Amino acid sequence: MSRFAITLDVDWAPDFMIDAAAEALLVREVKATWFVTHASPAVQRLRERPDLFELGMHPNFLAGSSHGATPAEVVAHCAALVPEARAVRTHCLLQSTPLHDELLRGSAVEVDVSLLLPHARDVAPVVQWSPAGRLLRIPYVWQDNMEMYSPEPQWEMAPLLDAPGLRVFDFHPVHVWLNSRDIEPYERLKAQGPLAEATEQGAARFRNSSYGAMTAFLDLADRLAADGGGARIRDLT
């Protein structure tokens, strides 16, 4: 079993961005887990490739969430959106033991992937017991948008893959498509209007032509393609 996994937080990205990231994985036959925020034709296309792709929940528990006004409403909305989801990563990594209980009681979730430990070594799953039952927690070691704030960002994947333990990585289709290496172009794109309504032509001027999230994504996908294709979160459990 592979100890390497690509995950992606959909985060309301337009379909052309989701499709671009998916196609890069499909042509390499690399597995991934997609944490879903909304329904769309591109998300349905991901669902049609269970041999490579797993769909998880990406609930937004923040104030003003389009997923619901209460934790129970958010969980119900996301469970209806992705009823097959067994894994969750919360939007903005919001965590609490009551939220874990709500997820366990209101959905089929069994695995949480909301704990970011940047560049950590010897990572392994841990079991967390609570009033609602058993939750397997799998930390992850790299996230594209958080890497942008590092004074020494790591866009080349080999050193991270060489470390021992599970190596779970997180990307966002929007940052992969933009090849983001700092957050400012993304913020300027969002200022144009809702991200889900962005067009390929309108977003193109915000793309980075140097190294960044896309080069890291393709680097990692190439390396996993040469090493068996990587794993989905369910494969790590």
Protein backbone atom coordinates (compact mmCIF):
# COMPACT_ATOMS: atom_id res chain seq x y z
CA MET A 1 0.00 0.00 0.00
CA SER A 2 1.26 3.48 -0.88
CA ARG A 3 1.97 5.93 1.93
CA PHE A 4 1.54 8.92 -0.42
CA ALA A 5 -1.80 10.61 -1.07
CA ILE A 6 -2.98 13.66 -2.99
CA THR A 7 -6.06 15.43 -1.68
CA LEU A 8 -7.85 18.44 -3.14
CA ASP A 9 -10.21 20.93 -1.49
CA VAL A 10 -12.69 21.89 -4.22
CA ASP A 11 -13.60 25.19 -2.50
CA TRP A 12 -16.28 26.24 -5.00
CA ALA A 13 -13.84 26.25 -7.93
CA PRO A 14 -15.37 26.55 -11.42
CA ASP A 15 -15.62 23.36 -13.41
CA PHE A 16 -12.79 24.17 -15.82
CA MET A 17 -10.36 24.33 -12.89
CA ILE A 18 -11.64 21.07 -11.39
CA ASP A 19 -11.48 19.36 -14.77
CA ALA A 20 -7.91 20.55 -15.41
CA ALA A 21 -6.62 19.13 -12.13
CA ALA A 22 -8.58 15.90 -12.65
CA GLU A 23 -7.27 15.44 -16.18
CA ALA A 24 -3.66 15.78 -14.99
CA LEU A 25 -4.30 12.91 -12.58
CA LEU A 26 -6.32 10.80 -15.00
CA VAL A 27 -3.68 10.77 -17.72
CA ARG A 28 -1.11 9.66 -15.12
CA GLU A 29 -3.52 7.19 -13.43
CA VAL A 30 -2.85 8.83 -10.06
CA LYS A 31 -5.37 8.48 -7.23
CA ALA A 32 -6.79 11.38 -5.20
CA THR A 33 -9.40 12.28 -2.62
CA TRP A 34 -11.51 15.34 -3.41
CA PHE A 35 -13.16 17.23 -0.54
CA VAL A 36 -16.35 18.55 -2.11
CA THR A 37 -18.11 21.86 -1.39
CA HIS A 38 -20.83 21.90 -4.03
CA ALA A 39 -22.53 19.93 -6.79
CA SER A 40 -21.48 20.47 -10.39
CA PRO A 41 -20.98 18.51 -13.62
CA ALA A 42 -17.23 18.37 -12.94
CA VAL A 43 -17.83 16.89 -9.49
CA GLN A 44 -20.11 14.31 -11.06
CA ARG A 45 -17.34 13.43 -13.52
CA LEU A 46 -15.04 12.79 -10.54
CA ARG A 47 -17.68 10.50 -9.06
CA GLU A 48 -17.67 8.45 -12.26
CA ARG A 49 -14.03 7.41 -11.70
CA PRO A 50 -14.08 5.50 -8.39
CA ASP A 51 -11.08 3.51 -9.54
CA LEU A 52 -8.96 6.64 -9.03
CA PHE A 53 -11.03 9.21 -7.16
CA GLU A 54 -12.72 9.26 -3.77
CA LEU A 55 -15.15 12.03 -2.79
CA GLY A 56 -15.09 13.42 0.73
CA MET A 57 -16.95 16.18 2.56
CA HIS A 58 -15.62 19.73 2.94
CA PRO A 59 -18.15 21.35 5.29
CA ASN A 60 -18.01 25.06 6.03
CA PHE A 61 -18.89 25.63 9.70
CA LEU A 62 -17.96 29.33 9.60
CA ALA A 63 -20.53 32.07 10.18
CA GLY A 64 -22.49 32.89 7.03
CA SER A 65 -21.86 29.48 5.48
CA SER A 66 -23.88 28.56 2.41
CA HIS A 67 -23.93 25.02 3.86
CA GLY A 68 -26.19 25.96 6.78
CA ALA A 69 -26.68 28.14 9.85
CA THR A 70 -25.96 25.46 12.46
CA PRO A 71 -23.50 22.56 12.64
CA ALA A 72 -26.36 20.08 12.22
CA GLU A 73 -27.59 21.91 9.11
CA VAL A 74 -24.07 22.02 7.65
CA VAL A 75 -23.52 18.29 8.18
CA ALA A 76 -26.95 17.43 6.74
CA HIS A 77 -26.31 19.57 3.66
CA CYS A 78 -22.88 18.05 3.00
CA ALA A 79 -24.04 14.49 3.71
CA ALA A 80 -26.78 14.95 1.11
CA LEU A 81 -24.26 16.43 -1.32
CA VAL A 82 -21.75 13.58 -0.93
CA PRO A 83 -23.61 10.68 0.72
CA GLU A 84 -20.76 8.30 -0.12
CA ALA A 85 -18.19 10.36 1.81
CA ARG A 86 -16.26 8.49 4.47
CA ALA A 87 -13.60 11.21 4.91
CA VAL A 88 -13.91 14.86 5.89
CA ARG A 89 -11.72 17.93 5.87
CA THR A 90 -13.40 20.98 7.36
CA HIS A 91 -13.22 24.30 5.55
CA CYS A 92 -10.49 26.47 7.14
CA LEU A 93 -9.67 23.40 9.28
CA LEU A 94 -12.24 24.41 11.89
CA GLN A 95 -12.27 21.71 14.57
CA SER A 96 -13.85 20.92 17.91
CA THR A 97 -14.97 17.78 19.66
CA PRO A 98 -18.67 18.78 19.33
CA LEU A 99 -18.18 19.17 15.56
CA HIS A 100 -16.56 15.75 15.40
CA ASP A 101 -19.57 14.29 17.21
CA GLU A 102 -21.96 16.05 14.83
CA LEU A 103 -20.12 14.60 11.84
CA LEU A 104 -20.11 11.09 13.28
CA ARG A 105 -23.81 11.22 14.14
CA GLY A 106 -25.06 12.99 11.03
CA SER A 107 -23.04 11.42 8.23
CA ALA A 108 -21.11 8.34 7.17
CA VAL A 109 -17.79 10.02 8.00
CA GLU A 110 -15.22 7.78 9.69
CA VAL A 111 -11.95 9.63 8.91
CA ASP A 112 -10.93 13.23 9.58
CA VAL A 113 -8.13 14.85 7.55
CA SER A 114 -8.30 18.34 9.08
CA LEU A 115 -5.05 18.41 10.99
CA LEU A 116 -2.21 20.14 9.11
CA LEU A 117 1.29 19.41 10.44
CA PRO A 118 3.53 21.24 7.96
CA HIS A 119 6.50 19.16 6.80
CA ALA A 120 6.08 16.78 9.77
CA ARG A 121 7.89 13.43 9.77
CA ASP A 122 6.78 10.00 10.98
CA VAL A 123 3.09 10.88 10.59
CA ALA A 124 0.64 8.08 11.35
CA PRO A 125 -3.13 7.79 11.80
CA VAL A 126 -4.52 8.04 15.34
CA VAL A 127 -7.88 6.96 16.74
CA GLN A 128 -9.96 9.49 18.65
CA TRP A 129 -12.86 8.23 20.74
CA SER A 130 -15.74 10.52 21.66
CA PRO A 131 -19.37 10.26 22.82
CA ALA A 132 -20.39 9.67 19.18
CA GLY A 133 -17.87 6.90 18.63
CA ARG A 134 -14.62 6.30 16.78
CA LEU A 135 -12.95 8.82 14.47
CA LEU A 136 -9.73 7.98 12.67
CA ARG A 137 -7.59 11.09 12.26
CA ILE A 138 -4.98 11.31 9.51
CA PRO A 139 -2.75 14.40 9.65
CA TYR A 140 -1.38 15.87 6.46
CA VAL A 141 1.97 17.52 5.85
CA TRP A 142 1.64 20.11 3.08
CA GLN A 143 -1.00 22.53 1.77
CA ASP A 144 -0.53 24.74 -1.26
CA ASN A 145 -2.04 28.00 0.02
CA MET A 146 -0.40 27.73 3.45
CA GLU A 147 2.98 27.08 1.81
CA MET A 148 2.69 30.54 0.25
CA TYR A 149 3.16 32.18 3.64
CA SER A 150 6.39 30.34 4.43
CA PRO A 151 9.61 32.36 4.15
CA GLU A 152 11.09 29.32 2.40
CA PRO A 153 8.21 27.67 0.50
CA GLN A 154 8.74 24.10 -0.68
CA TRP A 155 7.49 23.66 -4.26
CA GLU A 156 9.71 20.69 -5.10
CA MET A 157 8.23 17.51 -3.71
CA ALA A 158 11.18 15.10 -3.49
CA PRO A 159 12.39 16.20 -0.01
CA LEU A 160 8.88 15.83 1.40
CA LEU A 161 8.44 12.39 -0.15
CA ASP A 162 11.73 11.18 1.26
CA ALA A 163 10.60 11.73 4.87
CA PRO A 164 9.25 8.70 6.77
CA GLY A 165 5.61 8.14 7.65
CA LEU A 166 2.40 8.95 5.80
CA ARG A 167 2.74 11.80 3.31
CA VAL A 168 -0.65 13.38 2.57
CA PHE A 169 -0.70 16.56 0.47
CA ASP A 170 -3.45 19.12 -0.07
CA PHE A 171 -4.09 21.20 -3.17
CA HIS A 172 -6.89 23.47 -4.36
CA PRO A 173 -8.02 23.34 -8.01
CA VAL A 174 -7.98 27.13 -8.14
CA HIS A 175 -4.36 27.34 -6.99
CA VAL A 176 -3.31 24.49 -9.26
CA TRP A 177 -4.91 26.23 -12.25
CA LEU A 178 -3.45 29.63 -11.32
CA ASN A 179 -0.11 28.04 -10.41
CA SER A 180 -0.26 30.26 -7.32
CA ARG A 181 2.92 30.97 -5.38
CA ASP A 182 1.50 33.90 -3.43
CA ILE A 183 -2.07 34.67 -2.44
CA GLU A 184 -2.45 38.11 -4.02
CA PRO A 185 -3.43 37.06 -7.60
CA TYR A 186 -6.06 34.72 -6.16
CA GLU A 187 -7.47 37.54 -4.03
CA ARG A 188 -7.63 39.78 -7.11
CA LEU A 189 -9.46 37.04 -9.00
CA LYS A 190 -12.00 36.69 -6.17
CA ALA A 191 -12.53 40.45 -6.17
CA GLN A 192 -13.88 40.14 -9.74
CA GLY A 193 -16.92 38.20 -8.48
CA PRO A 194 -17.87 34.75 -7.14
CA LEU A 195 -15.14 32.23 -7.88
CA ALA A 196 -17.66 29.69 -9.18
CA GLU A 197 -18.62 32.17 -11.92
CA ALA A 198 -15.06 32.80 -13.11
CA THR A 199 -14.33 32.07 -16.77
CA GLU A 200 -11.17 30.58 -18.19
CA GLN A 201 -10.50 33.71 -20.22
CA GLY A 202 -11.13 36.03 -17.27
CA ALA A 203 -8.93 34.04 -14.89
CA ALA A 204 -6.03 33.61 -17.31
CA ARG A 205 -4.42 36.97 -16.52
CA PHE A 206 -3.94 35.91 -12.90
CA ARG A 207 -1.87 32.81 -13.74
CA ASN A 208 1.73 32.52 -12.60
CA SER A 209 4.24 31.34 -15.21
CA SER A 210 7.01 30.40 -12.77
CA TYR A 211 7.05 27.72 -10.06
CA GLY A 212 4.08 27.37 -7.74
CA ALA A 213 1.11 25.17 -6.90
CA MET A 214 0.73 23.76 -10.41
CA THR A 215 4.39 22.86 -10.81
CA ALA A 216 4.30 21.22 -7.37
CA PHE A 217 1.10 19.34 -8.26
CA LEU A 218 2.50 18.03 -11.53
CA ASP A 219 5.82 17.17 -9.89
CA LEU A 220 4.02 15.15 -7.23
CA ALA A 221 1.67 13.51 -9.75
CA ASP A 222 4.63 12.45 -11.91
CA ARG A 223 6.45 10.99 -8.92
CA LEU A 224 3.39 9.07 -7.72
CA ALA A 225 2.67 7.81 -11.25
CA ALA A 226 6.15 6.28 -11.25
CA ASP A 227 5.53 4.73 -7.82
CA GLY A 228 2.21 2.93 -8.27
CA GLY A 229 -0.21 5.85 -8.44
CA GLY A 230 -0.47 6.86 -4.79
CA ALA A 231 -3.49 6.34 -2.53
CA ARG A 232 -6.90 7.68 -1.67
CA ILE A 233 -7.63 8.40 1.97
CA ARG A 234 -9.72 5.23 2.19
CA ASP A 235 -6.69 3.25 1.02
CA LEU A 236 -4.72 4.52 4.04
CA THR A 237 -7.26 3.12 6.51
